[in-house]
């Protein structure tokens, strides 16, 4: 009985001497994810002990909401379980936002040797405005080029009024270029 009591006290003293854990959000806080292309900002946290030293090997859980605006991780689940690396960092890899727009929170929990810390990372899913079509803009240089080419040909070509048409060469009628809807034909 005495030995058991000493072990319990020793175990209680070890956990009391262990500094508490804390989670520092490194990346992803306030991120705006693209709900149209399902691309988002991966959350990155650093787990530190009470002495502000990084904690390697802590178990970290990232949990996105099950409904509403949310995201899934690489596994396709809203929950990702991982561990901190040697620098105390853990990453919510391959975060993919769903197509619902609005704010949401990713809950982060870290645990090591019976100690637990938690944090919340706020993100938003948004639909960016669609890019305006530039289909009409590419027509402007084409029409301008055609007009310039036609003007050059009209001023540097031979006029049918000064050259008589031979039986083998048909007579040509000069054309005209006017602003507006393109049309081809003899001058008006």
C-alpha atoms as a PDB file:
ATOM      1  CA  UNK A   1       0.000   0.000   0.000  1.00  0.00           C
ATOM      2  CA  UNK A   2       2.781   2.432   0.885  1.00  0.00           C
ATOM      3  CA  UNK A   3       4.580   1.854  -2.449  1.00  0.00           C
ATOM      4  CA  UNK A   4       1.397   2.504  -4.371  1.00  0.00           C
ATOM      5  CA  UNK A   5       0.825   5.770  -2.519  1.00  0.00           C
ATOM      6  CA  UNK A   6       4.370   6.968  -3.312  1.00  0.00           C
ATOM      7  CA  UNK A   7       3.879   6.164  -7.011  1.00  0.00           C
ATOM      8  CA  UNK A   8       0.625   8.098  -7.153  1.00  0.00           C
ATOM      9  CA  UNK A   9       2.212  11.140  -5.524  1.00  0.00           C
ATOM     10  CA  UNK A  10       5.242  10.917  -7.840  1.00  0.00           C
ATOM     11  CA  UNK A  11       2.975  10.699 -10.890  1.00  0.00           C
ATOM     12  CA  UNK A  12       0.942  13.661  -9.671  1.00  0.00           C
ATOM     13  CA  UNK A  13       4.091  15.683  -9.163  1.00  0.00           C
ATOM     14  CA  UNK A  14       5.360  14.891 -12.668  1.00  0.00           C
ATOM     15  CA  UNK A  15       2.195  16.186 -14.303  1.00  0.00           C
ATOM     16  CA  UNK A  16       2.167  19.293 -12.079  1.00  0.00           C
ATOM     17  CA  UNK A  17       5.744  20.098 -13.144  1.00  0.00           C
ATOM     18  CA  UNK A  18       4.939  19.720 -16.861  1.00  0.00           C
ATOM     19  CA  UNK A  19       4.327  23.159 -18.340  1.00  0.00           C
ATOM     20  CA  UNK A  20       0.892  23.635 -19.957  1.00  0.00           C
ATOM     21  CA  UNK A  21       0.485  23.453 -23.724  1.00  0.00           C
ATOM     22  CA  UNK A  22      -0.518  26.366 -25.913  1.00  0.00           C
ATOM     23  CA  UNK A  23      -1.396  26.606 -29.627  1.00  0.00           C
ATOM     24  CA  UNK A  24      -0.111  29.463 -31.753  1.00  0.00           C
ATOM     25  CA  UNK A  25      -1.833  29.916 -35.144  1.00  0.00           C
ATOM     26  CA  UNK A  26       0.938  30.503 -37.705  1.00  0.00           C
ATOM     27  CA  UNK A  27      -1.068  30.522 -40.968  1.00  0.00           C
ATOM     28  CA  UNK A  28      -4.688  30.411 -42.056  1.00  0.00           C
ATOM     29  CA  UNK A  29      -6.289  32.837 -39.578  1.00  0.00           C
ATOM     30  CA  UNK A  30      -8.699  35.114 -41.492  1.00  0.00           C
ATOM     31  CA  UNK A  31      -8.054  33.344 -44.800  1.00  0.00           C
ATOM     32  CA  UNK A  32     -10.564  33.749 -47.624  1.00  0.00           C
ATOM     33  CA  UNK A  33     -10.961  30.513 -49.563  1.00  0.00           C
ATOM     34  CA  UNK A  34     -12.180  30.230 -53.164  1.00  0.00           C
ATOM     35  CA  UNK A  35     -15.419  28.242 -53.037  1.00  0.00           C
ATOM     36  CA  UNK A  36     -15.687  28.173 -56.851  1.00  0.00           C
ATOM     37  CA  UNK A  37     -12.325  26.467 -57.477  1.00  0.00           C
ATOM     38  CA  UNK A  38     -12.259  24.718 -54.073  1.00  0.00           C
ATOM     39  CA  UNK A  39      -8.842  26.129 -53.189  1.00  0.00           C
ATOM     40  CA  UNK A  40      -8.086  27.229 -49.665  1.00  0.00           C
ATOM     41  CA  UNK A  41      -5.392  28.218 -47.213  1.00  0.00           C
ATOM     42  CA  UNK A  42      -4.009  25.332 -45.181  1.00  0.00           C
ATOM     43  CA  UNK A  43      -4.016  26.063 -41.452  1.00  0.00           C
ATOM     44  CA  UNK A  44      -0.628  25.851 -39.735  1.00  0.00           C
ATOM     45  CA  UNK A  45      -0.238  25.812 -35.951  1.00  0.00           C
ATOM     46  CA  UNK A  46       2.680  25.593 -33.584  1.00  0.00           C
ATOM     47  CA  UNK A  47       2.334  23.813 -30.263  1.00  0.00           C
ATOM     48  CA  UNK A  48       4.425  25.292 -27.444  1.00  0.00           C
ATOM     49  CA  UNK A  49       4.854  24.422 -23.797  1.00  0.00           C
ATOM     50  CA  UNK A  50       4.572  26.810 -20.853  1.00  0.00           C
ATOM     51  CA  UNK A  51       8.219  27.796 -21.302  1.00  0.00           C
ATOM     52  CA  UNK A  52       7.401  28.880 -24.893  1.00  0.00           C
ATOM     53  CA  UNK A  53       9.437  26.003 -26.353  1.00  0.00           C
ATOM     54  CA  UNK A  54       8.132  24.067 -29.392  1.00  0.00           C
ATOM     55  CA  UNK A  55       6.644  20.669 -28.579  1.00  0.00           C
ATOM     56  CA  UNK A  56       7.429  17.799 -30.958  1.00  0.00           C
ATOM     57  CA  UNK A  57       5.165  14.750 -31.173  1.00  0.00           C
ATOM     58  CA  UNK A  58       1.968  16.361 -29.865  1.00  0.00           C
ATOM     59  CA  UNK A  59      -1.233  14.949 -31.383  1.00  0.00           C
ATOM     60  CA  UNK A  60      -3.128  17.705 -33.231  1.00  0.00           C
ATOM     61  CA  UNK A  61      -6.715  17.534 -34.482  1.00  0.00           C
ATOM     62  CA  UNK A  62      -8.092  19.976 -37.065  1.00  0.00           C
ATOM     63  CA  UNK A  63     -11.900  19.879 -37.215  1.00  0.00           C
ATOM     64  CA  UNK A  64     -14.016  21.852 -39.703  1.00  0.00           C
ATOM     65  CA  UNK A  65     -17.822  22.147 -39.323  1.00  0.00           C
ATOM     66  CA  UNK A  66     -19.974  19.254 -40.519  1.00  0.00           C
ATOM     67  CA  UNK A  67     -22.583  21.565 -42.113  1.00  0.00           C
ATOM     68  CA  UNK A  68     -22.723  25.003 -43.741  1.00  0.00           C
ATOM     69  CA  UNK A  69     -19.649  26.764 -45.074  1.00  0.00           C
ATOM     70  CA  UNK A  70     -16.772  24.421 -44.321  1.00  0.00           C
ATOM     71  CA  UNK A  71     -13.867  22.474 -45.762  1.00  0.00           C
ATOM     72  CA  UNK A  72     -12.453  18.984 -45.962  1.00  0.00           C
ATOM     73  CA  UNK A  73      -8.853  17.893 -45.690  1.00  0.00           C
ATOM     74  CA  UNK A  74      -6.832  15.615 -47.984  1.00  0.00           C
ATOM     75  CA  UNK A  75      -8.619  12.496 -46.762  1.00  0.00           C
ATOM     76  CA  UNK A  76     -11.989  13.980 -47.762  1.00  0.00           C
ATOM     77  CA  UNK A  77     -13.075  14.265 -44.107  1.00  0.00           C
ATOM     78  CA  UNK A  78     -13.818  17.386 -42.091  1.00  0.00           C
ATOM     79  CA  UNK A  79     -11.449  16.094 -39.381  1.00  0.00           C
ATOM     80  CA  UNK A  80      -7.703  15.601 -39.732  1.00  0.00           C
ATOM     81  CA  UNK A  81      -5.511  13.953 -37.095  1.00  0.00           C
ATOM     82  CA  UNK A  82      -1.756  14.631 -37.290  1.00  0.00           C
ATOM     83  CA  UNK A  83       1.346  15.197 -35.137  1.00  0.00           C
ATOM     84  CA  UNK A  84       3.668  18.129 -34.628  1.00  0.00           C
ATOM     85  CA  UNK A  85       7.087  17.917 -36.272  1.00  0.00           C
ATOM     86  CA  UNK A  86      10.462  18.628 -34.634  1.00  0.00           C
ATOM     87  CA  UNK A  87       9.744  22.383 -34.729  1.00  0.00           C
ATOM     88  CA  UNK A  88       6.373  21.895 -33.008  1.00  0.00           C
ATOM     89  CA  UNK A  89       4.353  22.612 -36.165  1.00  0.00           C
ATOM     90  CA  UNK A  90       1.336  20.817 -37.591  1.00  0.00           C
ATOM     91  CA  UNK A  91      -0.365  21.512 -40.931  1.00  0.00           C
ATOM     92  CA  UNK A  92      -3.978  20.890 -41.973  1.00  0.00           C
ATOM     93  CA  UNK A  93      -2.852  19.464 -45.330  1.00  0.00           C
ATOM     94  CA  UNK A  94      -4.865  19.710 -48.557  1.00  0.00           C
ATOM     95  CA  UNK A  95      -7.672  21.892 -47.205  1.00  0.00           C
ATOM     96  CA  UNK A  96     -10.465  22.105 -49.816  1.00  0.00           C
ATOM     97  CA  UNK A  97     -13.382  24.456 -49.100  1.00  0.00           C
ATOM     98  CA  UNK A  98     -16.909  23.384 -50.010  1.00  0.00           C
ATOM     99  CA  UNK A  99     -19.072  25.475 -52.361  1.00  0.00           C
ATOM    100  CA  UNK A 100     -21.098  27.159 -49.583  1.00  0.00           C
ATOM    101  CA  UNK A 101     -20.090  30.759 -48.918  1.00  0.00           C
ATOM    102  CA  UNK A 102     -19.691  32.368 -45.523  1.00  0.00           C
ATOM    103  CA  UNK A 103     -17.501  32.316 -42.426  1.00  0.00           C
ATOM    104  CA  UNK A 104     -16.609  29.166 -40.509  1.00  0.00           C
ATOM    105  CA  UNK A 105     -14.236  28.046 -37.771  1.00  0.00           C
ATOM    106  CA  UNK A 106     -11.685  25.256 -37.723  1.00  0.00           C
ATOM    107  CA  UNK A 107     -11.281  23.915 -34.187  1.00  0.00           C
ATOM    108  CA  UNK A 108      -7.752  22.833 -33.311  1.00  0.00           C
ATOM    109  CA  UNK A 109      -6.854  20.609 -30.370  1.00  0.00           C
ATOM    110  CA  UNK A 110      -3.364  19.545 -29.297  1.00  0.00           C
ATOM    111  CA  UNK A 111      -2.556  16.961 -26.646  1.00  0.00           C
ATOM    112  CA  UNK A 112       0.572  15.478 -25.135  1.00  0.00           C
ATOM    113  CA  UNK A 113       1.053  13.505 -21.912  1.00  0.00           C
ATOM    114  CA  UNK A 114      -2.482  14.177 -20.741  1.00  0.00           C
ATOM    115  CA  UNK A 115      -2.297  17.922 -21.336  1.00  0.00           C
ATOM    116  CA  UNK A 116      -4.667  19.537 -23.821  1.00  0.00           C
ATOM    117  CA  UNK A 117      -4.791  22.933 -25.525  1.00  0.00           C
ATOM    118  CA  UNK A 118      -7.281  24.269 -28.052  1.00  0.00           C
ATOM    119  CA  UNK A 119      -7.615  27.138 -30.515  1.00  0.00           C
ATOM    120  CA  UNK A 120      -9.984  28.317 -33.230  1.00  0.00           C
ATOM    121  CA  UNK A 121      -9.007  29.393 -36.754  1.00  0.00           C
ATOM    122  CA  UNK A 122     -11.564  31.610 -38.524  1.00  0.00           C
ATOM    123  CA  UNK A 123     -11.794  31.351 -42.310  1.00  0.00           C
ATOM    124  CA  UNK A 124     -14.333  32.375 -44.955  1.00  0.00           C
ATOM    125  CA  UNK A 125     -15.469  30.688 -48.155  1.00  0.00           C
ATOM    126  CA  UNK A 126     -16.246  33.206 -50.902  1.00  0.00           C
ATOM    127  CA  UNK A 127     -17.231  33.166 -54.574  1.00  0.00           C
ATOM    128  CA  UNK A 128     -14.968  35.535 -56.466  1.00  0.00           C
ATOM    129  CA  UNK A 129     -16.576  37.658 -59.176  1.00  0.00           C
ATOM    130  CA  UNK A 130     -16.469  36.063 -62.582  1.00  0.00           C
ATOM    131  CA  UNK A 131     -13.980  37.548 -64.980  1.00  0.00           C
ATOM    132  CA  UNK A 132     -15.581  39.744 -67.619  1.00  0.00           C
ATOM    133  CA  UNK A 133     -15.419  38.420 -71.143  1.00  0.00           C
ATOM    134  CA  UNK A 134     -12.994  40.155 -73.474  1.00  0.00           C
ATOM    135  CA  UNK A 135     -14.429  38.547 -76.602  1.00  0.00           C
ATOM    136  CA  UNK A 136     -15.408  41.887 -78.149  1.00  0.00           C
ATOM    137  CA  UNK A 137     -12.038  43.477 -77.388  1.00  0.00           C
ATOM    138  CA  UNK A 138     -10.119  41.180 -79.717  1.00  0.00           C
ATOM    139  CA  UNK A 139     -12.348  42.269 -82.606  1.00  0.00           C
ATOM    140  CA  UNK A 140     -11.217  45.900 -82.376  1.00  0.00           C
ATOM    141  CA  UNK A 141      -7.591  45.275 -83.490  1.00  0.00           C
ATOM    142  CA  UNK A 142      -8.778  42.945 -86.245  1.00  0.00           C
ATOM    143  CA  UNK A 143     -11.236  45.481 -87.643  1.00  0.00           C
ATOM    144  CA  UNK A 144      -8.686  48.307 -87.321  1.00  0.00           C
ATOM    145  CA  UNK A 145      -6.066  46.190 -89.113  1.00  0.00           C
ATOM    146  CA  UNK A 146      -8.481  45.339 -91.894  1.00  0.00           C
ATOM    147  CA  UNK A 147      -9.413  49.004 -92.283  1.00  0.00           C
ATOM    148  CA  UNK A 148      -5.769  50.068 -92.388  1.00  0.00           C
ATOM    149  CA  UNK A 149      -4.961  47.360 -94.911  1.00  0.00           C
ATOM    150  CA  UNK A 150      -7.930  48.375 -97.064  1.00  0.00           C
ATOM    151  CA  UNK A 151      -6.959  52.047 -96.916  1.00  0.00           C
ATOM    152  CA  UNK A 152      -3.392  51.205 -97.909  1.00  0.00           C
ATOM    153  CA  UNK A 153      -4.556  49.047-100.795  1.00  0.00           C
ATOM    154  CA  UNK A 154      -6.977  51.726-101.969  1.00  0.00           C
ATOM    155  CA  UNK A 155      -4.345  54.487-101.960  1.00  0.00           C
ATOM    156  CA  UNK A 156      -1.471  52.449-103.394  1.00  0.00           C
ATOM    157  CA  UNK A 157      -3.282  50.239-105.849  1.00  0.00           C
ATOM    158  CA  UNK A 158      -4.019  50.963-109.529  1.00  0.00           C
ATOM    159  CA  UNK A 159      -7.255  52.707-110.229  1.00  0.00           C
ATOM    160  CA  UNK A 160      -9.554  51.127-112.834  1.00  0.00           C
ATOM    161  CA  UNK A 161     -10.479  54.624-114.068  1.00  0.00           C
ATOM    162  CA  UNK A 162      -6.931  55.243-115.400  1.00  0.00           C
ATOM    163  CA  UNK A 163      -6.293  51.794-116.781  1.00  0.00           C
ATOM    164  CA  UNK A 164      -8.373  50.344-119.546  1.00  0.00           C
ATOM    165  CA  UNK A 165      -9.559  46.828-119.001  1.00  0.00           C
ATOM    166  CA  UNK A 166      -8.188  44.325-121.434  1.00  0.00           C
ATOM    167  CA  UNK A 167     -10.274  41.385-122.613  1.00  0.00           C
ATOM    168  CA  UNK A 168      -8.217  39.014-120.430  1.00  0.00           C
ATOM    169  CA  UNK A 169      -8.319  41.283-117.331  1.00  0.00           C
ATOM    170  CA  UNK A 170     -11.776  41.983-115.873  1.00  0.00           C
ATOM    171  CA  UNK A 171     -12.560  45.535-114.782  1.00  0.00           C
ATOM    172  CA  UNK A 172     -12.460  46.150-111.022  1.00  0.00           C
ATOM    173  CA  UNK A 173     -14.628  48.497-109.055  1.00  0.00           C
ATOM    174  CA  UNK A 174     -12.983  50.362-106.194  1.00  0.00           C
ATOM    175  CA  UNK A 175     -14.373  49.624-102.705  1.00  0.00           C
ATOM    176  CA  UNK A 176     -14.833  51.917 -99.769  1.00  0.00           C
ATOM    177  CA  UNK A 177     -14.248  51.579 -96.038  1.00  0.00           C
ATOM    178  CA  UNK A 178     -16.557  53.377 -93.652  1.00  0.00           C
ATOM    179  CA  UNK A 179     -16.859  53.207 -89.887  1.00  0.00           C
ATOM    180  CA  UNK A 180     -19.613  50.985 -88.565  1.00  0.00           C
ATOM    181  CA  UNK A 181     -20.741  47.551 -89.607  1.00  0.00           C
ATOM    182  CA  UNK A 182     -18.354  46.095 -92.192  1.00  0.00           C
ATOM    183  CA  UNK A 183     -19.812  45.808 -95.702  1.00  0.00           C
ATOM    184  CA  UNK A 184     -18.170  45.400 -99.056  1.00  0.00           C
ATOM    185  CA  UNK A 185     -19.320  46.794-102.352  1.00  0.00           C
ATOM    186  CA  UNK A 186     -18.997  49.694-104.753  1.00  0.00           C
ATOM    187  CA  UNK A 187     -18.971  53.256-103.392  1.00  0.00           C
ATOM    188  CA  UNK A 188     -22.337  54.837-102.752  1.00  0.00           C
END
